[in-house]
Amino acid sequence: MTSAFRPSRHGARPIRVSFEFFPPKTPEMEATLWASIERLAPLGPSFVSVTYGAGGSTRERTHNTLSRLVRETALKPAAHLTCVAATRTEVDEVVRSYWDAGVRHIVALRGDPVAGPGTAYEAHPGGYEQTCDLVAGIKRVGDFEVSVSAYPEKHPEAASLDADIDALKAKVDAGADRAITQFFFDNDLFFRYLDRVRARGIDIPIVPGILPVQNFKQAANFAAKTGASMPAWLAARFEGLEGDVETRKLIAAAVAAEQVIDLVDRGVTDFHFYTMNRADLVYAICHLLGLRAQASGEPTRVAA
């Protein structure tokens, strides 16, 4: 980690960002989502992804959000899609509906067990069994760009990190174009993982997923479910601030700034931000990365 907010020594090397949102459940959440999209869109993200649930109502919300992104913005939307609770035919129909809506990029994921965390995953009878099968199915339906997940600390259900990298290799062999990592807070973990992935012959882009810690307790809960570690130094940064929202925001900005500037200094040029539908902290981090929006809405890059 860097110890100060110093300019990147890479000057104006190109930085590309993408943003993840989740579909709103209420009118208030919808207003927050679209305010966040409006705030971040001028930074010119490579794409914006929208998460996806197994239930019918969440699928509909995802589809509606994606359709509106296509209709009302110049952004390139990416649709999350899982294998959970659907047959291959049903999943293929969803894929075709995305194509018909103008979506050309899918984030393919296995999905969580239907019975919830801590239970064994079981493929739906007649469904896609694993992500690699889903990737191949998507590619059969249309010429989609496909992103998949990667886990620097291994998927919590994987027997080992090597086994998890084997699963990533299967996704790449099936046609995956890019991998986006689970969030992490120790950059050395990412680079050690990247070395092992490259040694395995995987050469697609591995994009670090960045979670700005808007709420430490919430982030810790996410980490426990996904197998990501929360370093002791990170917990210490937020210690005693449970009731101090404003200071937590300042600490969150400092932590995220340290992480992304260190990644840039070590050669990373692509970042995927888990926005939690909140724009201000992510916008600030992108500003530190040197991204600027011109009056036309086209982004420009200056030395960070």
Protein backbone atom coordinates (compact mmCIF):
# COMPACT_ATOMS: atom_id res chain seq x y z
CA MET A 1 0.00 0.00 0.00
CA THR A 2 1.14 3.54 -0.59
CA SER A 3 1.60 5.70 2.47
CA ALA A 4 0.53 8.98 0.91
CA PHE A 5 -1.56 10.37 -1.93
CA ARG A 6 1.24 11.07 -4.36
CA PRO A 7 0.94 11.49 -8.11
CA SER A 8 1.16 8.31 -10.16
CA ARG A 9 4.57 7.96 -11.77
CA HIS A 10 2.85 6.53 -14.85
CA GLY A 11 1.56 9.96 -15.81
CA ALA A 12 -1.20 9.84 -18.39
CA ARG A 13 -1.30 6.09 -19.11
CA PRO A 14 -4.85 5.08 -20.04
CA ILE A 15 -7.12 4.13 -17.15
CA ARG A 16 -10.39 2.31 -17.82
CA VAL A 17 -13.15 1.93 -15.27
CA SER A 18 -16.46 0.08 -15.08
CA PHE A 19 -19.23 0.28 -12.51
CA GLU A 20 -21.59 -2.26 -10.98
CA PHE A 21 -25.12 -1.36 -9.90
CA PHE A 22 -28.02 -3.38 -8.54
CA PRO A 23 -31.63 -3.00 -9.69
CA PRO A 24 -33.83 -0.90 -7.38
CA LYS A 25 -36.60 -2.37 -5.25
CA THR A 26 -38.41 0.85 -4.34
CA PRO A 27 -39.05 4.26 -5.96
CA GLU A 28 -36.55 5.81 -3.52
CA MET A 29 -33.88 3.28 -4.47
CA GLU A 30 -34.62 3.89 -8.14
CA ALA A 31 -34.06 7.62 -7.69
CA THR A 32 -30.73 6.92 -5.95
CA LEU A 33 -29.66 4.52 -8.70
CA TRP A 34 -30.33 6.92 -11.56
CA ALA A 35 -28.75 9.84 -9.72
CA SER A 36 -25.63 7.67 -9.31
CA ILE A 37 -25.64 6.69 -12.98
CA GLU A 38 -26.02 10.33 -14.00
CA ARG A 39 -23.12 11.28 -11.74
CA LEU A 40 -20.74 8.58 -12.99
CA ALA A 41 -21.67 8.41 -16.69
CA PRO A 42 -19.54 11.44 -17.74
CA LEU A 43 -16.44 9.52 -16.63
CA GLY A 44 -16.90 7.31 -19.70
CA PRO A 45 -16.90 3.82 -18.16
CA SER A 46 -16.07 0.88 -20.42
CA PHE A 47 -19.37 -0.63 -19.31
CA VAL A 48 -21.84 -0.63 -16.43
CA SER A 49 -23.14 -3.92 -15.08
CA VAL A 50 -26.46 -4.64 -13.40
CA THR A 51 -26.75 -7.50 -10.91
CA TYR A 52 -29.28 -10.28 -11.21
CA GLY A 53 -31.36 -12.40 -8.85
CA ALA A 54 -32.89 -15.84 -9.31
CA GLY A 55 -36.47 -14.77 -8.65
CA GLY A 56 -38.86 -13.53 -11.30
CA SER A 57 -39.31 -10.05 -9.82
CA THR A 58 -35.57 -9.40 -9.54
CA ARG A 59 -35.01 -10.65 -13.07
CA GLU A 60 -37.65 -8.20 -14.26
CA ARG A 61 -36.04 -5.32 -12.36
CA THR A 62 -32.67 -6.18 -13.89
CA HIS A 63 -34.15 -6.31 -17.39
CA ASN A 64 -36.00 -3.00 -16.89
CA THR A 65 -32.85 -1.27 -15.65
CA LEU A 66 -30.80 -2.59 -18.58
CA SER A 67 -33.47 -1.61 -21.11
CA ARG A 68 -33.58 1.91 -19.72
CA LEU A 69 -29.78 2.16 -19.88
CA VAL A 70 -29.93 1.22 -23.57
CA ARG A 71 -32.80 3.61 -24.34
CA GLU A 72 -31.78 6.66 -22.35
CA THR A 73 -27.98 6.66 -22.09
CA ALA A 74 -24.89 6.17 -24.23
CA LEU A 75 -23.47 3.71 -21.70
CA LYS A 76 -22.69 0.10 -22.61
CA PRO A 77 -24.69 -2.09 -20.21
CA ALA A 78 -23.62 -5.56 -19.09
CA ALA A 79 -26.26 -7.94 -17.77
CA HIS A 80 -25.47 -10.28 -14.89
CA LEU A 81 -26.81 -13.80 -15.43
CA THR A 82 -26.69 -16.93 -13.26
CA CYS A 83 -27.39 -20.65 -13.63
CA VAL A 84 -29.65 -20.72 -10.57
CA ALA A 85 -33.30 -21.84 -10.54
CA ALA A 86 -33.80 -22.09 -14.31
CA THR A 87 -33.54 -24.62 -17.11
CA ARG A 88 -31.19 -24.11 -20.04
CA THR A 89 -34.16 -23.18 -22.18
CA GLU A 90 -35.28 -20.53 -19.69
CA VAL A 91 -31.77 -19.10 -19.39
CA ASP A 92 -31.39 -19.02 -23.17
CA GLU A 93 -34.67 -17.09 -23.40
CA VAL A 94 -33.29 -14.51 -20.95
CA VAL A 95 -30.11 -14.25 -23.03
CA ARG A 96 -32.14 -13.69 -26.21
CA SER A 97 -34.27 -11.06 -24.42
CA TYR A 98 -31.08 -9.18 -23.52
CA TRP A 99 -29.93 -9.31 -27.15
CA ASP A 100 -33.33 -8.02 -28.30
CA ALA A 101 -33.05 -5.18 -25.75
CA GLY A 102 -29.70 -4.12 -27.24
CA VAL A 103 -27.41 -5.64 -24.60
CA ARG A 104 -24.20 -7.15 -26.01
CA HIS A 105 -22.26 -7.93 -22.82
CA ILE A 106 -23.12 -10.49 -20.12
CA VAL A 107 -21.45 -11.13 -16.76
CA ALA A 108 -21.86 -14.91 -16.39
CA LEU A 109 -21.97 -16.28 -12.85
CA ARG A 110 -22.91 -19.62 -11.33
CA GLY A 111 -25.00 -17.96 -8.63
CA ASP A 112 -25.53 -18.70 -4.94
CA PRO A 113 -27.28 -21.81 -3.64
CA VAL A 114 -31.04 -21.36 -3.63
CA ALA A 115 -31.26 -22.46 0.01
CA GLY A 116 -28.88 -19.69 1.05
CA PRO A 117 -25.30 -19.29 2.32
CA GLY A 118 -23.75 -22.34 3.95
CA THR A 119 -25.77 -24.82 1.89
CA ALA A 120 -24.47 -26.94 -0.96
CA TYR A 121 -25.00 -25.71 -4.50
CA GLU A 122 -27.16 -27.97 -6.64
CA ALA A 123 -27.64 -27.36 -10.33
CA HIS A 124 -31.23 -26.98 -11.50
CA PRO A 125 -32.48 -30.12 -13.28
CA GLY A 126 -32.07 -29.38 -16.96
CA GLY A 127 -30.12 -26.20 -16.18
CA TYR A 128 -26.56 -25.12 -16.79
CA GLU A 129 -24.45 -26.93 -14.21
CA GLN A 130 -21.50 -24.56 -13.85
CA THR A 131 -20.40 -21.15 -15.12
CA CYS A 132 -18.31 -22.65 -17.93
CA ASP A 133 -21.47 -24.32 -19.27
CA LEU A 134 -23.35 -21.03 -19.04
CA VAL A 135 -20.57 -19.18 -20.90
CA ALA A 136 -20.68 -21.71 -23.72
CA GLY A 137 -24.49 -21.43 -23.83
CA ILE A 138 -24.39 -17.64 -24.05
CA LYS A 139 -21.88 -17.79 -26.89
CA ARG A 140 -24.15 -20.21 -28.77
CA VAL A 141 -27.08 -17.80 -28.52
CA GLY A 142 -25.27 -14.69 -29.72
CA ASP A 143 -21.96 -12.92 -30.21
CA PHE A 144 -21.87 -11.53 -26.67
CA GLU A 145 -18.86 -10.23 -24.81
CA VAL A 146 -18.74 -12.37 -21.66
CA SER A 147 -17.15 -11.47 -18.33
CA VAL A 148 -16.78 -13.97 -15.48
CA SER A 149 -15.72 -13.86 -11.84
CA ALA A 150 -12.30 -14.58 -10.32
CA TYR A 151 -11.32 -15.04 -6.68
CA PRO A 152 -7.86 -13.93 -5.49
CA GLU A 153 -8.51 -15.72 -2.17
CA LYS A 154 -10.41 -18.59 -3.89
CA HIS A 155 -14.13 -19.15 -4.05
CA PRO A 156 -15.36 -20.17 -0.58
CA GLU A 157 -16.63 -23.49 -1.96
CA ALA A 158 -13.45 -24.36 -3.89
CA ALA A 159 -11.28 -27.17 -2.52
CA SER A 160 -8.12 -25.12 -3.13
CA LEU A 161 -6.90 -22.07 -4.97
CA ASP A 162 -5.49 -24.33 -7.71
CA ALA A 163 -8.90 -25.96 -8.13
CA ASP A 164 -10.49 -22.54 -8.34
CA ILE A 165 -8.01 -21.44 -11.01
CA ASP A 166 -8.86 -24.64 -12.91
CA ALA A 167 -12.51 -23.50 -12.83
CA LEU A 168 -11.46 -20.11 -14.21
CA LYS A 169 -9.50 -21.86 -16.98
CA ALA A 170 -12.64 -23.82 -17.89
CA LYS A 171 -14.58 -20.56 -18.17
CA VAL A 172 -11.89 -19.09 -20.41
CA ASP A 173 -11.82 -22.21 -22.57
CA ALA A 174 -15.62 -21.88 -22.95
CA GLY A 175 -15.21 -18.36 -24.35
CA ALA A 176 -14.95 -15.89 -21.45
CA ASP A 177 -13.40 -12.59 -22.56
CA ARG A 178 -12.58 -11.02 -19.19
CA ALA A 179 -12.51 -11.89 -15.49
CA ILE A 180 -13.51 -9.49 -12.72
CA THR A 181 -12.21 -10.30 -9.26
CA GLN A 182 -14.00 -10.48 -5.98
CA PHE A 183 -13.07 -7.42 -3.92
CA PHE A 184 -9.89 -7.49 -1.86
CA PHE A 185 -8.03 -5.04 0.36
CA ASP A 186 -4.48 -6.43 0.25
CA ASN A 187 -3.03 -5.67 -3.18
CA ASP A 188 -0.28 -8.27 -2.75
CA LEU A 189 -3.01 -10.93 -2.74
CA PHE A 190 -4.13 -9.75 -6.18
CA PHE A 191 -0.65 -9.80 -7.69
CA ARG A 192 0.19 -13.22 -6.27
CA TYR A 193 -3.08 -14.50 -7.73
CA LEU A 194 -2.34 -12.86 -11.08
CA ASP A 195 1.04 -14.61 -11.21
CA ARG A 196 -0.61 -18.00 -10.63
CA VAL A 197 -3.32 -17.32 -13.20
CA ARG A 198 -0.79 -16.35 -15.87
CA ALA A 199 1.32 -19.40 -15.04
CA ARG A 200 -1.77 -21.51 -15.71
CA GLY A 201 -1.90 -20.12 -19.26
CA ILE A 202 -4.85 -17.78 -18.70
CA ASP A 203 -4.24 -14.60 -20.68
CA ILE A 204 -7.58 -12.74 -20.62
CA PRO A 205 -7.73 -9.44 -18.71
CA ILE A 206 -8.09 -9.94 -14.94
CA VAL A 207 -9.76 -6.76 -13.68
CA PRO A 208 -9.56 -5.98 -9.96
CA GLY A 209 -12.93 -5.50 -8.32
CA ILE A 210 -12.83 -2.57 -5.90
CA LEU A 211 -15.27 -2.16 -3.01
CA PRO A 212 -15.11 1.33 -1.50
CA VAL A 213 -15.99 0.71 2.15
CA GLN A 214 -19.02 2.90 2.65
CA ASN A 215 -20.09 0.88 5.70
CA PHE A 216 -17.45 -1.23 7.46
CA LYS A 217 -19.89 -3.63 9.17
CA GLN A 218 -21.68 -4.25 5.87
CA ALA A 219 -18.37 -4.79 4.04
CA ALA A 220 -17.26 -7.25 6.73
CA ASN A 221 -20.51 -9.20 6.27
CA PHE A 222 -19.95 -9.31 2.49
CA ALA A 223 -16.39 -10.51 3.04
CA ALA A 224 -17.51 -13.31 5.39
CA LYS A 225 -19.94 -14.60 2.76
CA THR A 226 -17.53 -14.42 -0.16
CA GLY A 227 -14.31 -15.66 1.42
CA ALA A 228 -12.56 -12.29 1.22
CA SER A 229 -10.34 -11.33 4.14
CA MET A 230 -10.64 -8.12 6.14
CA PRO A 231 -7.10 -7.17 7.27
CA ALA A 232 -6.58 -6.14 10.87
CA TRP A 233 -5.20 -2.78 9.73
CA LEU A 234 -8.47 -2.08 7.91
CA ALA A 235 -10.57 -2.86 10.98
CA ALA A 236 -8.30 -0.58 13.01
CA ARG A 237 -8.91 2.31 10.58
CA PHE A 238 -12.65 2.21 11.34
CA GLU A 239 -12.40 1.34 15.03
CA GLY A 240 -14.54 3.56 17.27
CA LEU A 241 -16.37 5.21 14.37
CA GLU A 242 -19.60 3.21 14.52
CA GLY A 243 -21.66 6.30 15.29
CA ASP A 244 -19.57 8.80 13.31
CA VAL A 245 -20.81 8.67 9.73
CA GLU A 246 -18.92 11.69 8.44
CA THR A 247 -15.52 10.53 9.69
CA ARG A 248 -16.22 7.05 8.32
CA LYS A 249 -16.69 8.63 4.88
CA LEU A 250 -13.32 10.37 5.12
CA ILE A 251 -11.58 7.17 6.22
CA ALA A 252 -13.30 5.25 3.42
CA ALA A 253 -12.00 7.72 0.85
CA ALA A 254 -8.47 7.50 2.26
CA VAL A 255 -8.44 3.69 2.24
CA ALA A 256 -9.78 3.43 -1.30
CA ALA A 257 -7.41 6.10 -2.57
CA GLU A 258 -4.41 4.27 -1.12
CA GLN A 259 -5.49 1.03 -2.72
CA VAL A 260 -6.17 2.25 -6.25
CA ILE A 261 -3.12 4.52 -6.47
CA ASP A 262 -0.91 1.62 -5.39
CA LEU A 263 -2.51 -0.61 -8.04
CA VAL A 264 -1.91 2.02 -10.74
CA ASP A 265 1.70 2.43 -9.62
CA ARG A 266 2.11 -1.34 -10.02
CA GLY A 267 0.76 -1.34 -13.58
CA VAL A 268 -3.00 -1.84 -13.25
CA THR A 269 -5.04 0.12 -15.80
CA ASP A 270 -8.55 -1.39 -15.45
CA PHE A 271 -10.82 -1.16 -12.41
CA HIS A 272 -14.32 -2.46 -11.72
CA PHE A 273 -16.09 -0.63 -8.91
CA TYR A 274 -18.82 -2.17 -6.77
CA THR A 275 -20.72 1.09 -6.33
CA MET A 276 -23.55 -0.10 -4.04
CA ASN A 277 -25.58 2.44 -6.06
CA ARG A 278 -23.71 5.28 -4.35
CA ALA A 279 -21.71 7.59 -6.58
CA ASP A 280 -19.83 10.19 -4.55
CA LEU A 281 -17.01 8.03 -3.15
CA VAL A 282 -16.52 6.20 -6.46
CA TYR A 283 -16.46 9.51 -8.34
CA ALA A 284 -13.81 10.83 -5.96
CA ILE A 285 -11.64 7.74 -6.46
CA CYS A 286 -11.91 8.08 -10.24
CA HIS A 287 -10.87 11.73 -9.90
CA LEU A 288 -7.76 10.56 -8.03
CA LEU A 289 -7.09 8.13 -10.88
CA GLY A 290 -6.99 11.15 -13.17
CA LEU A 291 -10.33 10.73 -14.92
CA ARG A 292 -12.10 13.94 -15.86
CA ALA A 293 -15.36 14.64 -17.65
CA GLN A 294 -15.39 17.28 -20.36
CA ALA A 295 -18.40 19.42 -21.10
CA SER A 296 -19.38 17.04 -23.89
CA GLY A 297 -19.46 14.19 -21.41
CA GLU A 298 -16.42 12.57 -23.02
CA PRO A 299 -13.82 11.65 -20.42
CA THR A 300 -10.26 12.82 -20.52
CA ARG A 301 -7.26 11.53 -18.61
CA VAL A 302 -4.79 13.69 -16.75
CA ALA A 303 -1.85 12.74 -14.57
CA ALA A 304 -3.22 11.46 -11.28
